[in-house]
Amino acid sequence: MIYIAIILAKIVEVSMATVRIVLITKGERKIGAFIGFFEVSLWLVLVSTVLTNIMADPLKIVAYALGFALGNYIGSIVEEKIGIGSAEIQAIVKADHGKMLSEALRNEGFAVTVMQGEGKNHPRNILLMYVPRKKVKKCVELIKSTQENSVITVSDKKPIYGGFGMLRK
C-alpha cells in the first residue's frame, strides 16, 4: 500500500511542478508561487517517507521513480488541457486561397494579419495569428481543411499586449 501512495503522491507533485513551471513562464507568477507552496510541502512529506529505512525497502526507489515518470507524462497532459497562454500560428498558403482562408478564420473569431510572400513557383500569403492555446487545434484544422498543402507553424508566446481579442493591456 505504501508503494501505491508513493506513486500517487509523486504523480501529483510532479504534475503540479509541470503546471507551475508553465504558469511562471507565461507570466502567471502569483498562481505559480501558490502551487509551488503545496508542491514543496508534498515533496517534503514524500521524500521523508521514501528515505525512511530505504536500504531495507529498495522498492520505495522504484515507486518514487515510477511516480516521477508518470507525473511528467500526466502533468504534460494536464497542462495541455488547461491551455494557459497564447500561441502564434503562421500559415503560408497559395495567394489564390489566402483571402478565402483569412475570411473563414475571421468568421470563426480568429484575428488574422495577411502578408504577401513569394514562393518558388507561386505567390503566397502569410497568415499570422495569435490565438489562445486552447483554440490552436481548431485553428490548425480549419487551415488544413481549406488548404491541405499549407505550411503551418505554431509557437508558444509570452503574454501579448494589445490586438484584437487580446486581454492584457
C-alpha atoms as a PDB file:
ATOM      1  CA  MET A   1       0.000   0.000   0.000  1.00  0.00           C
ATOM      2  CA  ILE A   2       2.889   2.371   0.761  1.00  0.00           C
ATOM      3  CA  TYR A   3       4.199   1.939  -2.787  1.00  0.00           C
ATOM      4  CA  ILE A   4       0.899   2.994  -4.343  1.00  0.00           C
ATOM      5  CA  ALA A   5       0.762   6.012  -2.018  1.00  0.00           C
ATOM      6  CA  ILE A   6       4.314   6.987  -3.048  1.00  0.00           C
ATOM      7  CA  ILE A   7       3.494   6.627  -6.750  1.00  0.00           C
ATOM      8  CA  LEU A   8       0.272   8.644  -6.480  1.00  0.00           C
ATOM      9  CA  ALA A   9       1.850  11.379  -4.358  1.00  0.00           C
ATOM     10  CA  LYS A  10       4.774  11.697  -6.752  1.00  0.00           C
ATOM     11  CA  ILE A  11       2.431  11.876  -9.752  1.00  0.00           C
ATOM     12  CA  VAL A  12       0.539  14.734  -8.098  1.00  0.00           C
ATOM     13  CA  GLU A  13       3.741  16.525  -7.043  1.00  0.00           C
ATOM     14  CA  VAL A  14       5.418  16.334 -10.469  1.00  0.00           C
ATOM     15  CA  SER A  15       2.187  17.277 -12.242  1.00  0.00           C
ATOM     16  CA  MET A  16       1.972  20.346 -10.002  1.00  0.00           C
ATOM     17  CA  ALA A  17       5.591  21.190 -10.860  1.00  0.00           C
ATOM     18  CA  THR A  18       4.880  20.936 -14.585  1.00  0.00           C
ATOM     19  CA  VAL A  19       1.881  23.250 -14.378  1.00  0.00           C
ATOM     20  CA  ARG A  20       3.767  25.644 -12.057  1.00  0.00           C
ATOM     21  CA  ILE A  21       6.691  25.991 -14.444  1.00  0.00           C
ATOM     22  CA  VAL A  22       4.404  26.697 -17.392  1.00  0.00           C
ATOM     23  CA  LEU A  23       2.436  29.261 -15.393  1.00  0.00           C
ATOM     24  CA  ILE A  24       5.577  31.102 -14.378  1.00  0.00           C
ATOM     25  CA  THR A  25       6.965  31.161 -17.920  1.00  0.00           C
ATOM     26  CA  LYS A  26       3.604  32.521 -19.127  1.00  0.00           C
ATOM     27  CA  GLY A  27       3.809  35.379 -16.625  1.00  0.00           C
ATOM     28  CA  GLU A  28       1.396  33.945 -14.037  1.00  0.00           C
ATOM     29  CA  ARG A  29       3.866  34.245 -11.133  1.00  0.00           C
ATOM     30  CA  LYS A  30       1.358  34.507  -8.278  1.00  0.00           C
ATOM     31  CA  ILE A  31      -0.524  31.354  -9.210  1.00  0.00           C
ATOM     32  CA  GLY A  32       2.800  29.586  -9.847  1.00  0.00           C
ATOM     33  CA  ALA A  33       4.074  30.572  -6.390  1.00  0.00           C
ATOM     34  CA  PHE A  34       0.823  29.387  -4.798  1.00  0.00           C
ATOM     35  CA  ILE A  35       1.111  25.990  -6.479  1.00  0.00           C
ATOM     36  CA  GLY A  36       4.811  25.860  -5.540  1.00  0.00           C
ATOM     37  CA  PHE A  37       3.964  26.082  -1.833  1.00  0.00           C
ATOM     38  CA  PHE A  38       1.821  22.941  -1.986  1.00  0.00           C
ATOM     39  CA  GLU A  39       4.215  21.189  -4.356  1.00  0.00           C
ATOM     40  CA  VAL A  40       7.179  21.578  -1.989  1.00  0.00           C
ATOM     41  CA  SER A  41       5.086  20.676   1.061  1.00  0.00           C
ATOM     42  CA  LEU A  42       4.049  17.441  -0.613  1.00  0.00           C
ATOM     43  CA  TRP A  43       7.625  16.795  -1.762  1.00  0.00           C
ATOM     44  CA  LEU A  44       8.980  17.118   1.802  1.00  0.00           C
ATOM     45  CA  VAL A  45       6.447  14.650   3.186  1.00  0.00           C
ATOM     46  CA  LEU A  46       7.032  12.302   0.283  1.00  0.00           C
ATOM     47  CA  VAL A  47      10.816  12.337   0.364  1.00  0.00           C
ATOM     48  CA  SER A  48      10.907  11.813   4.130  1.00  0.00           C
ATOM     49  CA  THR A  49       8.643   8.777   3.672  1.00  0.00           C
ATOM     50  CA  VAL A  50      10.804   7.363   0.887  1.00  0.00           C
ATOM     51  CA  LEU A  51      14.116   7.940   2.655  1.00  0.00           C
ATOM     52  CA  THR A  52      12.992   6.342   5.924  1.00  0.00           C
ATOM     53  CA  ASN A  53      14.618   2.904   6.028  1.00  0.00           C
ATOM     54  CA  ILE A  54      15.255   2.992   2.262  1.00  0.00           C
ATOM     55  CA  MET A  55      18.032   0.378   2.271  1.00  0.00           C
ATOM     56  CA  ALA A  56      15.737  -2.185   3.861  1.00  0.00           C
ATOM     57  CA  ASP A  57      12.989  -1.409   1.350  1.00  0.00           C
ATOM     58  CA  PRO A  58      14.524  -0.545  -2.046  1.00  0.00           C
ATOM     59  CA  LEU A  59      11.141  -0.882  -3.794  1.00  0.00           C
ATOM     60  CA  LYS A  60      10.432   2.636  -2.492  1.00  0.00           C
ATOM     61  CA  ILE A  61      13.033   3.839  -5.003  1.00  0.00           C
ATOM     62  CA  VAL A  62      11.204   2.100  -7.832  1.00  0.00           C
ATOM     63  CA  ALA A  63       7.845   3.508  -6.693  1.00  0.00           C
ATOM     64  CA  TYR A  64       9.310   7.027  -6.436  1.00  0.00           C
ATOM     65  CA  ALA A  65      10.925   6.807  -9.882  1.00  0.00           C
ATOM     66  CA  LEU A  66       7.753   5.394 -11.445  1.00  0.00           C
ATOM     67  CA  GLY A  67       5.697   8.192  -9.881  1.00  0.00           C
ATOM     68  CA  PHE A  68       8.166  10.747 -11.241  1.00  0.00           C
ATOM     69  CA  ALA A  69       7.958   9.344 -14.773  1.00  0.00           C
ATOM     70  CA  LEU A  70       4.162   9.118 -14.725  1.00  0.00           C
ATOM     71  CA  GLY A  71       3.939  12.585 -13.175  1.00  0.00           C
ATOM     72  CA  ASN A  72       5.848  14.090 -16.088  1.00  0.00           C
ATOM     73  CA  TYR A  73       3.550  12.388 -18.568  1.00  0.00           C
ATOM     74  CA  ILE A  74       0.307  13.218 -16.757  1.00  0.00           C
ATOM     75  CA  GLY A  75       1.477  16.748 -15.924  1.00  0.00           C
ATOM     76  CA  SER A  76       2.087  17.493 -19.585  1.00  0.00           C
ATOM     77  CA  ILE A  77      -1.424  16.260 -20.439  1.00  0.00           C
ATOM     78  CA  VAL A  78      -2.969  18.367 -17.660  1.00  0.00           C
ATOM     79  CA  GLU A  79      -1.034  21.441 -18.793  1.00  0.00           C
ATOM     80  CA  GLU A  80      -2.155  20.912 -22.380  1.00  0.00           C
ATOM     81  CA  LYS A  81      -5.801  20.611 -21.301  1.00  0.00           C
ATOM     82  CA  ILE A  82      -5.554  23.793 -19.218  1.00  0.00           C
ATOM     83  CA  GLY A  83      -4.028  25.519 -22.262  1.00  0.00           C
ATOM     84  CA  ILE A  84      -2.675  28.579 -20.495  1.00  0.00           C
ATOM     85  CA  GLY A  85      -1.335  31.364 -22.649  1.00  0.00           C
ATOM     86  CA  SER A  86      -1.251  32.223 -26.313  1.00  0.00           C
ATOM     87  CA  ALA A  87       0.304  30.770 -29.422  1.00  0.00           C
ATOM     88  CA  GLU A  88       1.430  32.323 -32.657  1.00  0.00           C
ATOM     89  CA  ILE A  89       0.277  30.495 -35.770  1.00  0.00           C
ATOM     90  CA  GLN A  90       1.781  31.233 -39.164  1.00  0.00           C
ATOM     91  CA  ALA A  91       0.303  29.681 -42.255  1.00  0.00           C
ATOM     92  CA  ILE A  92       1.847  30.008 -45.689  1.00  0.00           C
ATOM     93  CA  VAL A  93      -0.765  29.358 -48.374  1.00  0.00           C
ATOM     94  CA  LYS A  94      -1.200  29.950 -52.071  1.00  0.00           C
ATOM     95  CA  ALA A  95      -2.219  33.560 -52.675  1.00  0.00           C
ATOM     96  CA  ASP A  96      -5.332  32.295 -54.504  1.00  0.00           C
ATOM     97  CA  HIS A  97      -6.577  30.747 -51.247  1.00  0.00           C
ATOM     98  CA  GLY A  98      -5.357  33.406 -48.804  1.00  0.00           C
ATOM     99  CA  LYS A  99      -8.373  35.704 -48.952  1.00  0.00           C
ATOM    100  CA  MET A 100     -10.907  32.887 -48.646  1.00  0.00           C
ATOM    101  CA  LEU A 101      -8.980  31.294 -45.769  1.00  0.00           C
ATOM    102  CA  SER A 102      -8.490  34.554 -43.874  1.00  0.00           C
ATOM    103  CA  GLU A 103     -12.227  35.277 -44.157  1.00  0.00           C
ATOM    104  CA  ALA A 104     -13.084  31.769 -42.925  1.00  0.00           C
ATOM    105  CA  LEU A 105     -10.729  32.208 -39.970  1.00  0.00           C
ATOM    106  CA  ARG A 106     -12.167  35.623 -39.139  1.00  0.00           C
ATOM    107  CA  ASN A 107     -15.703  34.201 -39.309  1.00  0.00           C
ATOM    108  CA  GLU A 108     -14.621  31.723 -36.612  1.00  0.00           C
ATOM    109  CA  GLY A 109     -13.397  34.577 -34.408  1.00  0.00           C
ATOM    110  CA  PHE A 110      -9.666  34.450 -35.181  1.00  0.00           C
ATOM    111  CA  ALA A 111      -7.775  37.685 -35.801  1.00  0.00           C
ATOM    112  CA  VAL A 112      -5.665  37.326 -38.952  1.00  0.00           C
ATOM    113  CA  THR A 113      -2.972  39.520 -40.462  1.00  0.00           C
ATOM    114  CA  VAL A 114      -2.219  38.732 -44.119  1.00  0.00           C
ATOM    115  CA  MET A 115       1.165  39.454 -45.689  1.00  0.00           C
ATOM    116  CA  GLN A 116       2.290  38.926 -49.250  1.00  0.00           C
ATOM    117  CA  GLY A 117       5.074  36.464 -49.980  1.00  0.00           C
ATOM    118  CA  GLU A 118       6.745  34.762 -52.898  1.00  0.00           C
ATOM    119  CA  GLY A 119       7.195  31.008 -53.051  1.00  0.00           C
ATOM    120  CA  LYS A 120       9.310  29.030 -55.507  1.00  0.00           C
ATOM    121  CA  ASN A 121       6.523  28.626 -58.054  1.00  0.00           C
ATOM    122  CA  HIS A 122       3.584  30.754 -56.842  1.00  0.00           C
ATOM    123  CA  PRO A 123       2.775  33.941 -54.968  1.00  0.00           C
ATOM    124  CA  ARG A 124       1.931  33.177 -51.348  1.00  0.00           C
ATOM    125  CA  ASN A 125       0.007  34.708 -48.485  1.00  0.00           C
ATOM    126  CA  ILE A 126       1.442  34.502 -44.995  1.00  0.00           C
ATOM    127  CA  LEU A 127      -1.324  34.433 -42.426  1.00  0.00           C
ATOM    128  CA  LEU A 128      -0.262  35.496 -38.948  1.00  0.00           C
ATOM    129  CA  MET A 129      -2.492  34.814 -35.945  1.00  0.00           C
ATOM    130  CA  TYR A 130      -2.215  34.992 -32.165  1.00  0.00           C
ATOM    131  CA  VAL A 131      -4.714  32.645 -30.567  1.00  0.00           C
ATOM    132  CA  PRO A 132      -5.389  31.222 -27.116  1.00  0.00           C
ATOM    133  CA  ARG A 133      -3.634  27.855 -26.829  1.00  0.00           C
ATOM    134  CA  LYS A 134      -6.983  26.161 -26.241  1.00  0.00           C
ATOM    135  CA  LYS A 135      -8.030  27.160 -29.769  1.00  0.00           C
ATOM    136  CA  VAL A 136      -4.849  26.176 -31.637  1.00  0.00           C
ATOM    137  CA  LYS A 137      -6.134  22.773 -32.710  1.00  0.00           C
ATOM    138  CA  LYS A 138      -9.382  24.255 -34.080  1.00  0.00           C
ATOM    139  CA  CYS A 139      -7.463  26.931 -35.994  1.00  0.00           C
ATOM    140  CA  VAL A 140      -4.965  24.476 -37.494  1.00  0.00           C
ATOM    141  CA  GLU A 141      -7.736  22.074 -38.514  1.00  0.00           C
ATOM    142  CA  LEU A 142      -9.577  24.898 -40.272  1.00  0.00           C
ATOM    143  CA  ILE A 143      -6.428  25.877 -42.164  1.00  0.00           C
ATOM    144  CA  LYS A 144      -5.725  22.268 -43.179  1.00  0.00           C
ATOM    145  CA  SER A 145      -9.304  21.698 -44.343  1.00  0.00           C
ATOM    146  CA  THR A 146      -9.157  24.789 -46.552  1.00  0.00           C
ATOM    147  CA  GLN A 147      -5.636  24.341 -47.929  1.00  0.00           C
ATOM    148  CA  GLU A 148      -4.201  20.863 -47.408  1.00  0.00           C
ATOM    149  CA  ASN A 149      -0.630  21.614 -48.537  1.00  0.00           C
ATOM    150  CA  SER A 150      -0.120  24.784 -46.489  1.00  0.00           C
ATOM    151  CA  VAL A 151       2.928  25.285 -44.295  1.00  0.00           C
ATOM    152  CA  ILE A 152       1.808  25.832 -40.684  1.00  0.00           C
ATOM    153  CA  THR A 153       3.994  26.688 -37.706  1.00  0.00           C
ATOM    154  CA  VAL A 154       2.833  27.076 -34.107  1.00  0.00           C
ATOM    155  CA  SER A 155       4.913  28.763 -31.410  1.00  0.00           C
ATOM    156  CA  ASP A 156       4.089  29.460 -27.774  1.00  0.00           C
ATOM    157  CA  LYS A 157       4.222  33.112 -26.801  1.00  0.00           C
ATOM    158  CA  LYS A 158       4.669  35.038 -23.602  1.00  0.00           C
ATOM    159  CA  PRO A 159       1.845  37.423 -22.727  1.00  0.00           C
ATOM    160  CA  ILE A 160       0.687  39.524 -25.670  1.00  0.00           C
ATOM    161  CA  TYR A 161      -0.332  43.130 -25.185  1.00  0.00           C
ATOM    162  CA  GLY A 162      -2.929  44.748 -27.404  1.00  0.00           C
ATOM    163  CA  GLY A 163      -4.513  43.489 -30.588  1.00  0.00           C
ATOM    164  CA  PHE A 164      -7.937  42.113 -31.482  1.00  0.00           C
ATOM    165  CA  GLY A 165      -9.295  39.777 -28.801  1.00  0.00           C
ATOM    166  CA  MET A 166      -6.247  40.043 -26.505  1.00  0.00           C
ATOM    167  CA  LEU A 167      -6.966  40.800 -22.838  1.00  0.00           C
ATOM    168  CA  ARG A 168      -3.671  42.180 -21.457  1.00  0.00           C
ATOM    169  CA  LYS A 169      -3.112  45.893 -21.840  1.00  0.00           C
END
